[in-house]
């Protein structure tokens, strides 16, 4: 069954249509090690031209993420947990928690890895070039250069975009994709609409000087949130107060608090705690800091408070992070397997 898109389904196709993806490629073998941690949600890359996939797994070793990317595919990654990267030549996209980005693979494989020892939770949407060419033809002049080159088959280069932070509405959209609020018979149309909605959100850029008011407000809010994060990271041990953040950024601290929560889904205090724990984990992993030193370095004067917060974040007390010796690592893996 063929489903028509909401944009340009009956319009003329590009004069140089993209090359089709070889039908013999399958990513299932690359996900074998994660078992049920990889779950196709809906769609078919080779069939309807898009596919939603859910991923939730613990990487015991560095994971070759690039082996899962389809040739002639623009893939959007909505990353909730875990760190990873995608590189193409001199370009590299780094994914951290609550970020989104996209990349385009032609025939040559991409170098992409997921960090060992982390829980990785993310959703991907795979778009075939013909699907994007058919449904986004009316917005072709406004497409991100990477996507436009892909749909016009102009580039022989595999390219990556710059990840951006996920907003609260986008996080809510991810939740709905796992639990669609429609009957099964309506899901094909619903998922196609969501695929096109995500394509418009992330792939379409307004022409210079024609930014919509709501888009401009969203961009300014995101820029202010990024400024808050930058200022917090500058001094985790003694971060600026909310009032001081407002003065530095140039807006009311009440407004700043509201847009920060709307953009990230967390309060500034909650986000600061997350940054502190991530930094403490880096210090402990370097083995150059003991628990007390790491706690003080990120602004905790109470060791018990630090230990409790660390355990809530990582599921183990800081004294056991990371496992120090190869023998302990082996024992930990065996106990986890049983």
C-alpha atoms as a PDB file:
ATOM      1  CA  UNK A   1       0.000   0.000   0.000  1.00  0.00           C
ATOM      2  CA  UNK A   2       1.315   3.465  -0.898  1.00  0.00           C
ATOM      3  CA  UNK A   3       0.739   6.460   1.359  1.00  0.00           C
ATOM      4  CA  UNK A   4       0.750   9.950  -0.129  1.00  0.00           C
ATOM      5  CA  UNK A   5       2.526  12.725   1.756  1.00  0.00           C
ATOM      6  CA  UNK A   6       1.185  16.135   2.709  1.00  0.00           C
ATOM      7  CA  UNK A   7       3.735  18.064   0.649  1.00  0.00           C
ATOM      8  CA  UNK A   8       4.251  17.710  -3.076  1.00  0.00           C
ATOM      9  CA  UNK A   9       3.122  14.098  -3.488  1.00  0.00           C
ATOM     10  CA  UNK A  10       1.738  14.764  -6.983  1.00  0.00           C
ATOM     11  CA  UNK A  11       4.299  17.348  -8.068  1.00  0.00           C
ATOM     12  CA  UNK A  12       7.127  16.829 -10.529  1.00  0.00           C
ATOM     13  CA  UNK A  13      10.058  14.873  -9.228  1.00  0.00           C
ATOM     14  CA  UNK A  14      13.650  16.210  -9.354  1.00  0.00           C
ATOM     15  CA  UNK A  15      15.344  15.873 -12.721  1.00  0.00           C
ATOM     16  CA  UNK A  16      18.132  13.774 -11.196  1.00  0.00           C
ATOM     17  CA  UNK A  17      16.393  11.386  -8.756  1.00  0.00           C
ATOM     18  CA  UNK A  18      18.527   9.798  -6.012  1.00  0.00           C
ATOM     19  CA  UNK A  19      20.005   6.369  -6.564  1.00  0.00           C
ATOM     20  CA  UNK A  20      18.021   3.619  -4.819  1.00  0.00           C
ATOM     21  CA  UNK A  21      19.393   1.869  -1.763  1.00  0.00           C
ATOM     22  CA  UNK A  22      20.691  -1.642  -2.464  1.00  0.00           C
ATOM     23  CA  UNK A  23      17.947  -3.995  -1.204  1.00  0.00           C
ATOM     24  CA  UNK A  24      20.429  -6.528   0.174  1.00  0.00           C
ATOM     25  CA  UNK A  25      21.603  -4.243   3.021  1.00  0.00           C
ATOM     26  CA  UNK A  26      20.298  -5.170   6.468  1.00  0.00           C
ATOM     27  CA  UNK A  27      21.168  -3.597   9.798  1.00  0.00           C
ATOM     28  CA  UNK A  28      19.763  -6.426  11.941  1.00  0.00           C
ATOM     29  CA  UNK A  29      23.129  -8.193  12.162  1.00  0.00           C
ATOM     30  CA  UNK A  30      24.798  -5.056  13.534  1.00  0.00           C
ATOM     31  CA  UNK A  31      22.255  -4.922  16.378  1.00  0.00           C
ATOM     32  CA  UNK A  32      22.593  -8.626  17.278  1.00  0.00           C
ATOM     33  CA  UNK A  33      24.723  -7.948  20.358  1.00  0.00           C
ATOM     34  CA  UNK A  34      22.106  -5.653  21.936  1.00  0.00           C
ATOM     35  CA  UNK A  35      19.232  -8.140  21.530  1.00  0.00           C
ATOM     36  CA  UNK A  36      15.888  -6.587  22.458  1.00  0.00           C
ATOM     37  CA  UNK A  37      17.700  -3.271  22.983  1.00  0.00           C
ATOM     38  CA  UNK A  38      16.936  -2.595  19.303  1.00  0.00           C
ATOM     39  CA  UNK A  39      13.236  -2.464  18.430  1.00  0.00           C
ATOM     40  CA  UNK A  40      11.797  -1.371  15.068  1.00  0.00           C
ATOM     41  CA  UNK A  41       8.669   0.653  15.878  1.00  0.00           C
ATOM     42  CA  UNK A  42       7.063   1.323  12.505  1.00  0.00           C
ATOM     43  CA  UNK A  43       7.747   1.727   8.811  1.00  0.00           C
ATOM     44  CA  UNK A  44      10.093   0.160   6.310  1.00  0.00           C
ATOM     45  CA  UNK A  45      13.098   1.934   4.833  1.00  0.00           C
ATOM     46  CA  UNK A  46      12.951  -0.158   1.647  1.00  0.00           C
ATOM     47  CA  UNK A  47       9.137  -0.182   1.551  1.00  0.00           C
ATOM     48  CA  UNK A  48       7.473   3.129   2.474  1.00  0.00           C
ATOM     49  CA  UNK A  49      10.765   5.046   2.627  1.00  0.00           C
ATOM     50  CA  UNK A  50      10.986   5.749   6.364  1.00  0.00           C
ATOM     51  CA  UNK A  51      11.474   3.716   9.506  1.00  0.00           C
ATOM     52  CA  UNK A  52      11.186   4.512  13.229  1.00  0.00           C
ATOM     53  CA  UNK A  53      13.466   2.522  15.546  1.00  0.00           C
ATOM     54  CA  UNK A  54      13.864   2.515  19.328  1.00  0.00           C
ATOM     55  CA  UNK A  55      17.162   1.721  21.081  1.00  0.00           C
ATOM     56  CA  UNK A  56      17.735   1.119  24.798  1.00  0.00           C
ATOM     57  CA  UNK A  57      20.797  -0.918  25.756  1.00  0.00           C
ATOM     58  CA  UNK A  58      23.919  -0.988  27.903  1.00  0.00           C
ATOM     59  CA  UNK A  59      27.110  -0.985  25.841  1.00  0.00           C
ATOM     60  CA  UNK A  60      29.582  -3.352  27.487  1.00  0.00           C
ATOM     61  CA  UNK A  61      32.194  -2.399  24.926  1.00  0.00           C
ATOM     62  CA  UNK A  62      32.510   0.367  22.363  1.00  0.00           C
ATOM     63  CA  UNK A  63      29.688  -0.171  19.873  1.00  0.00           C
ATOM     64  CA  UNK A  64      30.166   0.189  16.105  1.00  0.00           C
ATOM     65  CA  UNK A  65      27.143   2.381  15.470  1.00  0.00           C
ATOM     66  CA  UNK A  66      28.073   3.154  11.859  1.00  0.00           C
ATOM     67  CA  UNK A  67      27.448  -0.460  10.788  1.00  0.00           C
ATOM     68  CA  UNK A  68      23.706   0.161  11.308  1.00  0.00           C
ATOM     69  CA  UNK A  69      23.410   3.092   8.847  1.00  0.00           C
ATOM     70  CA  UNK A  70      21.642   2.355   5.547  1.00  0.00           C
ATOM     71  CA  UNK A  71      23.324   3.443   2.304  1.00  0.00           C
ATOM     72  CA  UNK A  72      21.615   6.416   0.613  1.00  0.00           C
ATOM     73  CA  UNK A  73      19.893   7.315   3.870  1.00  0.00           C
ATOM     74  CA  UNK A  74      19.419  10.510   5.843  1.00  0.00           C
ATOM     75  CA  UNK A  75      19.076   9.367   9.447  1.00  0.00           C
ATOM     76  CA  UNK A  76      17.793  11.546  12.279  1.00  0.00           C
ATOM     77  CA  UNK A  77      18.921  10.567  15.788  1.00  0.00           C
ATOM     78  CA  UNK A  78      16.950  11.785  18.825  1.00  0.00           C
ATOM     79  CA  UNK A  79      19.401  10.970  21.605  1.00  0.00           C
ATOM     80  CA  UNK A  80      18.095  10.715  25.175  1.00  0.00           C
ATOM     81  CA  UNK A  81      20.952   8.989  27.033  1.00  0.00           C
ATOM     82  CA  UNK A  82      24.517   7.995  26.324  1.00  0.00           C
ATOM     83  CA  UNK A  83      27.303   9.516  24.266  1.00  0.00           C
ATOM     84  CA  UNK A  84      28.301   8.794  20.696  1.00  0.00           C
ATOM     85  CA  UNK A  85      29.745  10.391  17.599  1.00  0.00           C
ATOM     86  CA  UNK A  86      29.501  10.259  13.804  1.00  0.00           C
ATOM     87  CA  UNK A  87      32.355  11.430  11.595  1.00  0.00           C
ATOM     88  CA  UNK A  88      32.658  12.141   7.884  1.00  0.00           C
ATOM     89  CA  UNK A  89      36.041  13.403   6.756  1.00  0.00           C
ATOM     90  CA  UNK A  90      36.920  16.449   8.831  1.00  0.00           C
ATOM     91  CA  UNK A  91      33.370  16.773  10.161  1.00  0.00           C
ATOM     92  CA  UNK A  92      32.231  15.201  13.409  1.00  0.00           C
ATOM     93  CA  UNK A  93      28.875  15.227  15.201  1.00  0.00           C
ATOM     94  CA  UNK A  94      28.989  14.513  18.935  1.00  0.00           C
ATOM     95  CA  UNK A  95      25.802  13.273  20.568  1.00  0.00           C
ATOM     96  CA  UNK A  96      25.276  13.819  24.299  1.00  0.00           C
ATOM     97  CA  UNK A  97      22.088  13.256  26.353  1.00  0.00           C
ATOM     98  CA  UNK A  98      19.023  15.157  25.089  1.00  0.00           C
ATOM     99  CA  UNK A  99      20.438  16.157  21.715  1.00  0.00           C
ATOM    100  CA  UNK A 100      19.318  15.567  18.133  1.00  0.00           C
ATOM    101  CA  UNK A 101      21.242  15.502  14.879  1.00  0.00           C
ATOM    102  CA  UNK A 102      21.281  13.919  11.437  1.00  0.00           C
ATOM    103  CA  UNK A 103      23.773  12.480   8.984  1.00  0.00           C
ATOM    104  CA  UNK A 104      23.792  11.222   5.408  1.00  0.00           C
ATOM    105  CA  UNK A 105      25.477   8.050   4.249  1.00  0.00           C
ATOM    106  CA  UNK A 106      25.902   7.185   0.599  1.00  0.00           C
ATOM    107  CA  UNK A 107      27.681   3.937  -0.290  1.00  0.00           C
ATOM    108  CA  UNK A 108      30.761   4.255   1.900  1.00  0.00           C
ATOM    109  CA  UNK A 109      30.300   3.421   5.577  1.00  0.00           C
ATOM    110  CA  UNK A 110      30.465   6.123   8.239  1.00  0.00           C
ATOM    111  CA  UNK A 111      32.741   6.005  11.245  1.00  0.00           C
ATOM    112  CA  UNK A 112      30.416   6.123  14.251  1.00  0.00           C
ATOM    113  CA  UNK A 113      30.767   4.795  17.787  1.00  0.00           C
ATOM    114  CA  UNK A 114      28.757   4.541  21.001  1.00  0.00           C
ATOM    115  CA  UNK A 115      30.669   4.833  24.295  1.00  0.00           C
ATOM    116  CA  UNK A 116      31.365   1.686  26.320  1.00  0.00           C
ATOM    117  CA  UNK A 117      29.942   1.298  29.827  1.00  0.00           C
ATOM    118  CA  UNK A 118      26.949   3.592  29.257  1.00  0.00           C
ATOM    119  CA  UNK A 119      23.216   3.129  28.958  1.00  0.00           C
ATOM    120  CA  UNK A 120      22.223   4.286  25.479  1.00  0.00           C
ATOM    121  CA  UNK A 121      18.645   5.370  24.876  1.00  0.00           C
ATOM    122  CA  UNK A 122      17.692   6.975  21.570  1.00  0.00           C
ATOM    123  CA  UNK A 123      15.189   6.947  18.733  1.00  0.00           C
ATOM    124  CA  UNK A 124      16.162   7.080  15.072  1.00  0.00           C
ATOM    125  CA  UNK A 125      14.176   7.906  11.960  1.00  0.00           C
ATOM    126  CA  UNK A 126      15.630   6.596   8.709  1.00  0.00           C
ATOM    127  CA  UNK A 127      14.587   8.533   5.591  1.00  0.00           C
ATOM    128  CA  UNK A 128      15.230   7.256   2.083  1.00  0.00           C
ATOM    129  CA  UNK A 129      16.281   9.944  -0.383  1.00  0.00           C
ATOM    130  CA  UNK A 130      13.335   9.241  -2.737  1.00  0.00           C
ATOM    131  CA  UNK A 131      10.883   9.657   0.179  1.00  0.00           C
ATOM    132  CA  UNK A 132      12.354  13.055   1.078  1.00  0.00           C
ATOM    133  CA  UNK A 133      12.524  14.122  -2.578  1.00  0.00           C
ATOM    134  CA  UNK A 134       8.854  13.238  -3.083  1.00  0.00           C
ATOM    135  CA  UNK A 135       7.405  14.816   0.043  1.00  0.00           C
ATOM    136  CA  UNK A 136       9.647  17.850   0.559  1.00  0.00           C
ATOM    137  CA  UNK A 137       9.872  18.999  -3.055  1.00  0.00           C
ATOM    138  CA  UNK A 138       7.805  22.112  -2.290  1.00  0.00           C
ATOM    139  CA  UNK A 139      10.329  23.137   0.377  1.00  0.00           C
ATOM    140  CA  UNK A 140      13.446  22.143  -1.580  1.00  0.00           C
ATOM    141  CA  UNK A 141      14.960  25.637  -1.581  1.00  0.00           C
ATOM    142  CA  UNK A 142      14.683  25.777   2.225  1.00  0.00           C
ATOM    143  CA  UNK A 143      16.208  22.365   2.967  1.00  0.00           C
ATOM    144  CA  UNK A 144      19.368  22.067   5.028  1.00  0.00           C
ATOM    145  CA  UNK A 145      22.295  21.845   2.543  1.00  0.00           C
ATOM    146  CA  UNK A 146      23.091  18.288   3.653  1.00  0.00           C
ATOM    147  CA  UNK A 147      19.514  17.111   2.995  1.00  0.00           C
ATOM    148  CA  UNK A 148      19.176  19.023  -0.273  1.00  0.00           C
ATOM    149  CA  UNK A 149      22.390  17.497  -1.610  1.00  0.00           C
ATOM    150  CA  UNK A 150      21.106  14.065  -0.591  1.00  0.00           C
ATOM    151  CA  UNK A 151      17.724  14.342  -2.309  1.00  0.00           C
ATOM    152  CA  UNK A 152      19.265  15.831  -5.473  1.00  0.00           C
ATOM    153  CA  UNK A 153      22.019  13.193  -5.576  1.00  0.00           C
ATOM    154  CA  UNK A 154      24.541  15.980  -6.082  1.00  0.00           C
ATOM    155  CA  UNK A 155      27.117  14.940  -3.521  1.00  0.00           C
ATOM    156  CA  UNK A 156      29.387  11.940  -3.317  1.00  0.00           C
ATOM    157  CA  UNK A 157      30.383  12.917   0.194  1.00  0.00           C
ATOM    158  CA  UNK A 158      28.913  11.349   3.308  1.00  0.00           C
ATOM    159  CA  UNK A 159      28.099  14.270   5.588  1.00  0.00           C
ATOM    160  CA  UNK A 160      26.971  15.048   9.126  1.00  0.00           C
ATOM    161  CA  UNK A 161      24.979  17.902  10.637  1.00  0.00           C
ATOM    162  CA  UNK A 162      25.545  19.730  13.919  1.00  0.00           C
ATOM    163  CA  UNK A 163      23.495  18.254  16.807  1.00  0.00           C
ATOM    164  CA  UNK A 164      21.173  20.557  18.724  1.00  0.00           C
ATOM    165  CA  UNK A 165      19.517  20.270  22.130  1.00  0.00           C
ATOM    166  CA  UNK A 166      16.103  18.617  22.254  1.00  0.00           C
ATOM    167  CA  UNK A 167      13.273  20.814  23.492  1.00  0.00           C
ATOM    168  CA  UNK A 168      10.528  19.721  25.878  1.00  0.00           C
ATOM    169  CA  UNK A 169       7.907  19.473  23.047  1.00  0.00           C
ATOM    170  CA  UNK A 170      10.313  17.312  21.053  1.00  0.00           C
ATOM    171  CA  UNK A 171      10.857  15.058  24.071  1.00  0.00           C
ATOM    172  CA  UNK A 172       7.077  14.697  24.368  1.00  0.00           C
ATOM    173  CA  UNK A 173       6.910  13.792  20.686  1.00  0.00           C
ATOM    174  CA  UNK A 174       9.446  11.011  21.233  1.00  0.00           C
ATOM    175  CA  UNK A 175       7.242   9.586  23.991  1.00  0.00           C
ATOM    176  CA  UNK A 176       4.200   9.591  21.701  1.00  0.00           C
ATOM    177  CA  UNK A 177       6.130   7.760  18.974  1.00  0.00           C
ATOM    178  CA  UNK A 178       6.581   4.808  21.315  1.00  0.00           C
ATOM    179  CA  UNK A 179       2.904   4.828  22.306  1.00  0.00           C
ATOM    180  CA  UNK A 180       0.888   6.178  19.352  1.00  0.00           C
ATOM    181  CA  UNK A 181      -2.443   7.693  20.489  1.00  0.00           C
ATOM    182  CA  UNK A 182      -4.405   6.197  17.575  1.00  0.00           C
ATOM    183  CA  UNK A 183      -5.927   2.844  16.646  1.00  0.00           C
ATOM    184  CA  UNK A 184      -3.737   0.354  14.780  1.00  0.00           C
ATOM    185  CA  UNK A 185      -5.633   0.913  11.510  1.00  0.00           C
ATOM    186  CA  UNK A 186      -4.737   4.630  11.607  1.00  0.00           C
ATOM    187  CA  UNK A 187      -1.087   4.178  12.533  1.00  0.00           C
ATOM    188  CA  UNK A 188       0.324   4.110   8.957  1.00  0.00           C
ATOM    189  CA  UNK A 189      -1.030   7.614   8.286  1.00  0.00           C
ATOM    190  CA  UNK A 190      -0.160   8.839  11.809  1.00  0.00           C
ATOM    191  CA  UNK A 191       3.464   7.650  11.623  1.00  0.00           C
ATOM    192  CA  UNK A 192       3.930   9.098   8.132  1.00  0.00           C
ATOM    193  CA  UNK A 193       2.652  12.462   9.397  1.00  0.00           C
ATOM    194  CA  UNK A 194       5.110  12.278  12.305  1.00  0.00           C
ATOM    195  CA  UNK A 195       7.968  11.390   9.950  1.00  0.00           C
ATOM    196  CA  UNK A 196       7.157  14.458   7.842  1.00  0.00           C
ATOM    197  CA  UNK A 197       6.728  16.620  10.949  1.00  0.00           C
ATOM    198  CA  UNK A 198      10.201  15.663  12.158  1.00  0.00           C
ATOM    199  CA  UNK A 199      11.638  16.220   8.670  1.00  0.00           C
ATOM    200  CA  UNK A 200      10.178  19.732   8.607  1.00  0.00           C
ATOM    201  CA  UNK A 201      11.379  20.515  12.152  1.00  0.00           C
ATOM    202  CA  UNK A 202      14.969  19.419  11.595  1.00  0.00           C
ATOM    203  CA  UNK A 203      15.604  19.600   7.829  1.00  0.00           C
ATOM    204  CA  UNK A 204      13.784  22.766   6.689  1.00  0.00           C
ATOM    205  CA  UNK A 205      15.467  26.124   7.242  1.00  0.00           C
ATOM    206  CA  UNK A 206      13.771  29.494   6.602  1.00  0.00           C
ATOM    207  CA  UNK A 207      15.340  31.747   3.925  1.00  0.00           C
ATOM    208  CA  UNK A 208      17.581  34.541   5.195  1.00  0.00           C
ATOM    209  CA  UNK A 209      15.503  37.445   6.498  1.00  0.00           C
ATOM    210  CA  UNK A 210      12.267  35.414   6.539  1.00  0.00           C
ATOM    211  CA  UNK A 211      12.440  33.797   9.959  1.00  0.00           C
ATOM    212  CA  UNK A 212       8.986  33.284  11.450  1.00  0.00           C
ATOM    213  CA  UNK A 213       8.270  35.095  14.708  1.00  0.00           C
ATOM    214  CA  UNK A 214       7.628  31.868  16.592  1.00  0.00           C
ATOM    215  CA  UNK A 215      10.784  30.331  15.105  1.00  0.00           C
ATOM    216  CA  UNK A 216      12.805  33.369  16.134  1.00  0.00           C
ATOM    217  CA  UNK A 217      11.448  33.200  19.676  1.00  0.00           C
ATOM    218  CA  UNK A 218      12.284  29.516  19.823  1.00  0.00           C
ATOM    219  CA  UNK A 219      15.816  30.172  18.566  1.00  0.00           C
ATOM    220  CA  UNK A 220      16.390  32.994  21.068  1.00  0.00           C
ATOM    221  CA  UNK A 221      15.106  30.806  23.891  1.00  0.00           C
ATOM    222  CA  UNK A 222      17.450  27.997  22.857  1.00  0.00           C
ATOM    223  CA  UNK A 223      20.396  30.401  22.655  1.00  0.00           C
ATOM    224  CA  UNK A 224      19.653  31.647  26.190  1.00  0.00           C
ATOM    225  CA  UNK A 225      19.473  28.081  27.466  1.00  0.00           C
ATOM    226  CA  UNK A 226      22.843  27.322  25.851  1.00  0.00           C
ATOM    227  CA  UNK A 227      24.260  30.425  27.571  1.00  0.00           C
ATOM    228  CA  UNK A 228      22.982  29.173  30.934  1.00  0.00           C
ATOM    229  CA  UNK A 229      24.615  25.779  30.366  1.00  0.00           C
ATOM    230  CA  UNK A 230      27.887  27.427  29.363  1.00  0.00           C
ATOM    231  CA  UNK A 231      27.909  29.632  32.486  1.00  0.00           C
ATOM    232  CA  UNK A 232      27.109  26.687  34.748  1.00  0.00           C
ATOM    233  CA  UNK A 233      29.926  24.613  33.270  1.00  0.00           C
ATOM    234  CA  UNK A 234      32.398  27.452  33.845  1.00  0.00           C
ATOM    235  CA  UNK A 235      32.257  26.987  37.609  1.00  0.00           C
ATOM    236  CA  UNK A 236      30.395  23.894  38.804  1.00  0.00           C
ATOM    237  CA  UNK A 237      31.742  24.319  42.345  1.00  0.00           C
ATOM    238  CA  UNK A 238      30.312  27.841  42.747  1.00  0.00           C
ATOM    239  CA  UNK A 239      27.839  28.481  39.916  1.00  0.00           C
ATOM    240  CA  UNK A 240      26.059  31.835  39.528  1.00  0.00           C
ATOM    241  CA  UNK A 241      22.690  32.238  41.221  1.00  0.00           C
ATOM    242  CA  UNK A 242      19.492  32.353  39.183  1.00  0.00           C
ATOM    243  CA  UNK A 243      19.325  36.143  39.624  1.00  0.00           C
ATOM    244  CA  UNK A 244      22.933  36.490  38.451  1.00  0.00           C
ATOM    245  CA  UNK A 245      22.262  34.266  35.435  1.00  0.00           C
ATOM    246  CA  UNK A 246      19.360  36.515  34.485  1.00  0.00           C
ATOM    247  CA  UNK A 247      21.564  39.619  34.712  1.00  0.00           C
ATOM    248  CA  UNK A 248      24.355  38.064  32.658  1.00  0.00           C
ATOM    249  CA  UNK A 249      22.007  36.851  29.930  1.00  0.00           C
ATOM    250  CA  UNK A 250      19.862  39.973  29.944  1.00  0.00           C
ATOM    251  CA  UNK A 251      16.388  38.793  30.878  1.00  0.00           C
ATOM    252  CA  UNK A 252      14.200  38.261  33.923  1.00  0.00           C
ATOM    253  CA  UNK A 253      15.316  35.286  36.009  1.00  0.00           C
ATOM    254  CA  UNK A 254      11.657  34.196  36.214  1.00  0.00           C
ATOM    255  CA  UNK A 255      11.452  34.129  32.410  1.00  0.00           C
ATOM    256  CA  UNK A 256      14.853  32.434  32.172  1.00  0.00           C
ATOM    257  CA  UNK A 257      13.752  29.703  34.575  1.00  0.00           C
ATOM    258  CA  UNK A 258      10.561  29.136  32.591  1.00  0.00           C
ATOM    259  CA  UNK A 259      12.190  28.856  29.142  1.00  0.00           C
ATOM    260  CA  UNK A 260      14.969  26.644  30.524  1.00  0.00           C
ATOM    261  CA  UNK A 261      12.407  24.140  31.827  1.00  0.00           C
ATOM    262  CA  UNK A 262      10.439  24.344  28.574  1.00  0.00           C
ATOM    263  CA  UNK A 263      13.553  23.704  26.460  1.00  0.00           C
ATOM    264  CA  UNK A 264      15.204  20.979  28.531  1.00  0.00           C
ATOM    265  CA  UNK A 265      12.417  19.427  30.585  1.00  0.00           C
ATOM    266  CA  UNK A 266      14.479  20.112  33.720  1.00  0.00           C
ATOM    267  CA  UNK A 267      14.848  22.987  36.154  1.00  0.00           C
ATOM    268  CA  UNK A 268      18.180  24.785  36.258  1.00  0.00           C
ATOM    269  CA  UNK A 269      18.887  23.162  39.636  1.00  0.00           C
ATOM    270  CA  UNK A 270      18.210  19.682  38.251  1.00  0.00           C
ATOM    271  CA  UNK A 271      20.353  20.345  35.212  1.00  0.00           C
ATOM    272  CA  UNK A 272      23.198  21.647  37.388  1.00  0.00           C
ATOM    273  CA  UNK A 273      23.088  18.450  39.423  1.00  0.00           C
ATOM    274  CA  UNK A 274      23.309  16.415  36.206  1.00  0.00           C
ATOM    275  CA  UNK A 275      26.334  18.440  35.036  1.00  0.00           C
ATOM    276  CA  UNK A 276      28.026  18.012  38.410  1.00  0.00           C
ATOM    277  CA  UNK A 277      27.521  14.245  38.408  1.00  0.00           C
ATOM    278  CA  UNK A 278      28.789  13.892  34.840  1.00  0.00           C
ATOM    279  CA  UNK A 279      31.895  15.907  35.707  1.00  0.00           C
ATOM    280  CA  UNK A 280      32.464  13.936  38.924  1.00  0.00           C
ATOM    281  CA  UNK A 281      32.230  10.697  36.951  1.00  0.00           C
ATOM    282  CA  UNK A 282      34.869  11.998  34.507  1.00  0.00           C
ATOM    283  CA  UNK A 283      37.195  12.895  37.396  1.00  0.00           C
ATOM    284  CA  UNK A 284      36.794   9.505  39.081  1.00  0.00           C
ATOM    285  CA  UNK A 285      37.294   7.716  35.768  1.00  0.00           C
ATOM    286  CA  UNK A 286      40.581   9.560  35.255  1.00  0.00           C
ATOM    287  CA  UNK A 287      41.795   8.041  38.575  1.00  0.00           C
ATOM    288  CA  UNK A 288      43.494  11.346  39.364  1.00  0.00           C
ATOM    289  CA  UNK A 289      40.855  12.252  41.969  1.00  0.00           C
ATOM    290  CA  UNK A 290      39.555  10.313  44.945  1.00  0.00           C
ATOM    291  CA  UNK A 291      35.897  10.522  45.992  1.00  0.00           C
ATOM    292  CA  UNK A 292      36.407  13.419  48.419  1.00  0.00           C
ATOM    293  CA  UNK A 293      38.414  15.444  45.887  1.00  0.00           C
ATOM    294  CA  UNK A 294      35.871  14.832  43.135  1.00  0.00           C
ATOM    295  CA  UNK A 295      33.026  15.891  45.444  1.00  0.00           C
ATOM    296  CA  UNK A 296      34.755  19.164  46.366  1.00  0.00           C
ATOM    297  CA  UNK A 297      35.706  19.817  42.749  1.00  0.00           C
ATOM    298  CA  UNK A 298      32.036  19.891  41.694  1.00  0.00           C
ATOM    299  CA  UNK A 299      30.778  21.842  44.702  1.00  0.00           C
ATOM    300  CA  UNK A 300      29.713  19.275  47.307  1.00  0.00           C
ATOM    301  CA  UNK A 301      30.891  19.915  50.869  1.00  0.00           C
ATOM    302  CA  UNK A 302      28.909  16.988  52.274  1.00  0.00           C
ATOM    303  CA  UNK A 303      30.423  13.656  51.217  1.00  0.00           C
ATOM    304  CA  UNK A 304      27.265  11.754  52.211  1.00  0.00           C
ATOM    305  CA  UNK A 305      25.090  14.061  50.087  1.00  0.00           C
ATOM    306  CA  UNK A 306      27.471  13.648  47.163  1.00  0.00           C
ATOM    307  CA  UNK A 307      27.492   9.843  47.516  1.00  0.00           C
ATOM    308  CA  UNK A 308      23.693   9.669  47.673  1.00  0.00           C
ATOM    309  CA  UNK A 309      23.270  11.865  44.592  1.00  0.00           C
ATOM    310  CA  UNK A 310      25.949   9.962  42.676  1.00  0.00           C
ATOM    311  CA  UNK A 311      24.303   6.620  43.431  1.00  0.00           C
ATOM    312  CA  UNK A 312      20.899   7.952  42.343  1.00  0.00           C
ATOM    313  CA  UNK A 313      22.473   9.062  39.054  1.00  0.00           C
ATOM    314  CA  UNK A 314      24.737   6.128  38.174  1.00  0.00           C
ATOM    315  CA  UNK A 315      23.356   3.267  40.245  1.00  0.00           C
ATOM    316  CA  UNK A 316      26.551   2.694  42.234  1.00  0.00           C
ATOM    317  CA  UNK A 317      28.429   4.489  44.968  1.00  0.00           C
ATOM    318  CA  UNK A 318      31.286   6.737  43.801  1.00  0.00           C
ATOM    319  CA  UNK A 319      33.900   4.563  45.483  1.00  0.00           C
ATOM    320  CA  UNK A 320      33.116   1.770  43.004  1.00  0.00           C
ATOM    321  CA  UNK A 321      33.108   3.979  39.905  1.00  0.00           C
ATOM    322  CA  UNK A 322      34.705   2.963  37.654  1.00  0.00           C
ATOM    323  CA  UNK A 323      35.693  -0.642  38.369  1.00  0.00           C
ATOM    324  CA  UNK A 324      39.411  -0.284  38.973  1.00  0.00           C
ATOM    325  CA  UNK A 325      41.080  -3.457  37.726  1.00  0.00           C
ATOM    326  CA  UNK A 326      40.642  -5.894  34.877  1.00  0.00           C
ATOM    327  CA  UNK A 327      39.897  -8.655  37.402  1.00  0.00           C
ATOM    328  CA  UNK A 328      37.097  -6.590  38.951  1.00  0.00           C
ATOM    329  CA  UNK A 329      35.754  -5.710  35.518  1.00  0.00           C
ATOM    330  CA  UNK A 330      35.645  -9.374  34.541  1.00  0.00           C
ATOM    331  CA  UNK A 331      33.938 -10.307  37.801  1.00  0.00           C
ATOM    332  CA  UNK A 332      31.387  -7.531  37.368  1.00  0.00           C
ATOM    333  CA  UNK A 333      30.544  -8.666  33.848  1.00  0.00           C
ATOM    334  CA  UNK A 334      30.157 -12.301  34.939  1.00  0.00           C
ATOM    335  CA  UNK A 335      27.891 -11.393  37.848  1.00  0.00           C
ATOM    336  CA  UNK A 336      25.790  -9.192  35.554  1.00  0.00           C
ATOM    337  CA  UNK A 337      25.452 -12.030  33.002  1.00  0.00           C
ATOM    338  CA  UNK A 338      24.124 -14.365  35.703  1.00  0.00           C
END
